[in-house]
C-alpha cells in the first residue's frame, strides 16, 4: 500500500498591488487634505474652482488639526 502525503503551501504577507493601491489612496488623501487649493475640482469646474476652493473649505478645520497651514 502506498501512502501519499499532501503538502499545503501557505503564502503569507500582503500582496504588492494592495500596498501600491493603499499608498496611492494615502497620497491622494494627504494631497487633498493638506495641499489642494482648487486643483482637483478644476478638472470639472475649470478656473472657477480656484476661486471657490470647495475641497479646501470642506476640509478647513481638518487641515488645522493635522498641522497644515492654509492661510
Protein backbone atom coordinates (compact mmCIF):
# COMPACT_ATOMS: atom_id res chain seq x y z
CA UNK A 1 0.00 0.00 0.00
CA UNK A 2 1.38 3.38 -0.98
CA UNK A 3 0.97 6.40 1.15
CA UNK A 4 0.53 9.81 -0.37
CA UNK A 5 1.29 12.96 1.53
CA UNK A 6 -0.32 16.20 0.67
CA UNK A 7 1.81 19.25 1.26
CA UNK A 8 -0.01 22.52 1.84
CA UNK A 9 1.85 25.63 0.86
CA UNK A 10 0.63 28.80 2.53
CA UNK A 11 1.51 32.15 1.13
CA UNK A 12 1.61 34.79 3.80
CA UNK A 13 2.10 38.51 3.51
CA UNK A 14 0.39 41.37 1.82
CA UNK A 15 0.23 41.43 -1.97
CA UNK A 16 2.33 44.15 -3.56
CA UNK A 17 -0.63 45.50 -5.55
CA UNK A 18 -2.55 46.05 -2.30
CA UNK A 19 0.34 48.06 -0.88
CA UNK A 20 0.56 50.15 -4.06
CA UNK A 21 -3.18 50.89 -4.02
CA UNK A 22 -3.06 51.84 -0.35
CA UNK A 23 -0.11 54.17 -0.94
CA UNK A 24 -1.92 55.83 -3.84
CA UNK A 25 -5.05 56.39 -1.74
CA UNK A 26 -2.95 57.75 1.12
CA UNK A 27 -1.07 60.09 -1.20
CA UNK A 28 -4.29 61.40 -2.72
CA UNK A 29 -5.74 61.87 0.77
CA UNK A 30 -2.73 63.80 2.05
CA UNK A 31 -2.74 65.98 -1.06
CA UNK A 32 -6.45 66.70 -0.91
CA UNK A 33 -6.43 67.47 2.82
CA UNK A 34 -3.15 69.33 3.03
CA UNK A 35 -2.32 70.96 -0.26
CA UNK A 36 -5.34 71.24 -2.55
CA UNK A 37 -6.22 74.83 -3.45
CA UNK A 38 -8.73 74.00 -6.16
CA UNK A 39 -6.62 71.70 -8.34
CA UNK A 40 -8.79 68.59 -8.01
CA UNK A 41 -12.11 70.25 -8.85
CA UNK A 42 -10.54 72.40 -11.57
CA UNK A 43 -10.73 69.33 -13.80
CA UNK A 44 -14.52 69.60 -13.68
CA UNK A 45 -15.27 73.25 -12.87
CA UNK A 46 -12.32 74.95 -14.59
CA UNK A 47 -10.90 78.25 -13.31
CA UNK A 48 -13.90 78.80 -11.01
CA UNK A 49 -12.63 76.01 -8.72
CA UNK A 50 -9.52 78.02 -7.86
CA UNK A 51 -11.65 80.89 -6.61
CA UNK A 52 -14.20 78.74 -4.73
CA UNK A 53 -11.80 76.10 -3.32
CA UNK A 54 -14.57 73.64 -2.46
CA UNK A 55 -12.36 70.92 -1.02
CA UNK A 56 -10.25 73.43 0.91
CA UNK A 57 -13.32 74.88 2.61
CA UNK A 58 -14.75 71.43 3.29
CA UNK A 59 -11.57 70.21 5.00
CA UNK A 60 -10.50 73.54 6.51
CA UNK A 61 -10.70 72.55 10.19
CA UNK A 62 -9.11 69.17 9.49
CA UNK A 63 -6.16 70.95 7.89
CA UNK A 64 -5.52 72.95 11.04
CA UNK A 65 -5.98 69.90 13.26
CA UNK A 66 -3.42 68.00 11.16
CA UNK A 67 -0.96 70.88 11.33
CA UNK A 68 -1.17 72.11 7.73
CA UNK A 69 -1.11 75.90 7.48
CA UNK A 70 -3.50 77.22 4.87
CA UNK A 71 -3.76 80.98 5.46
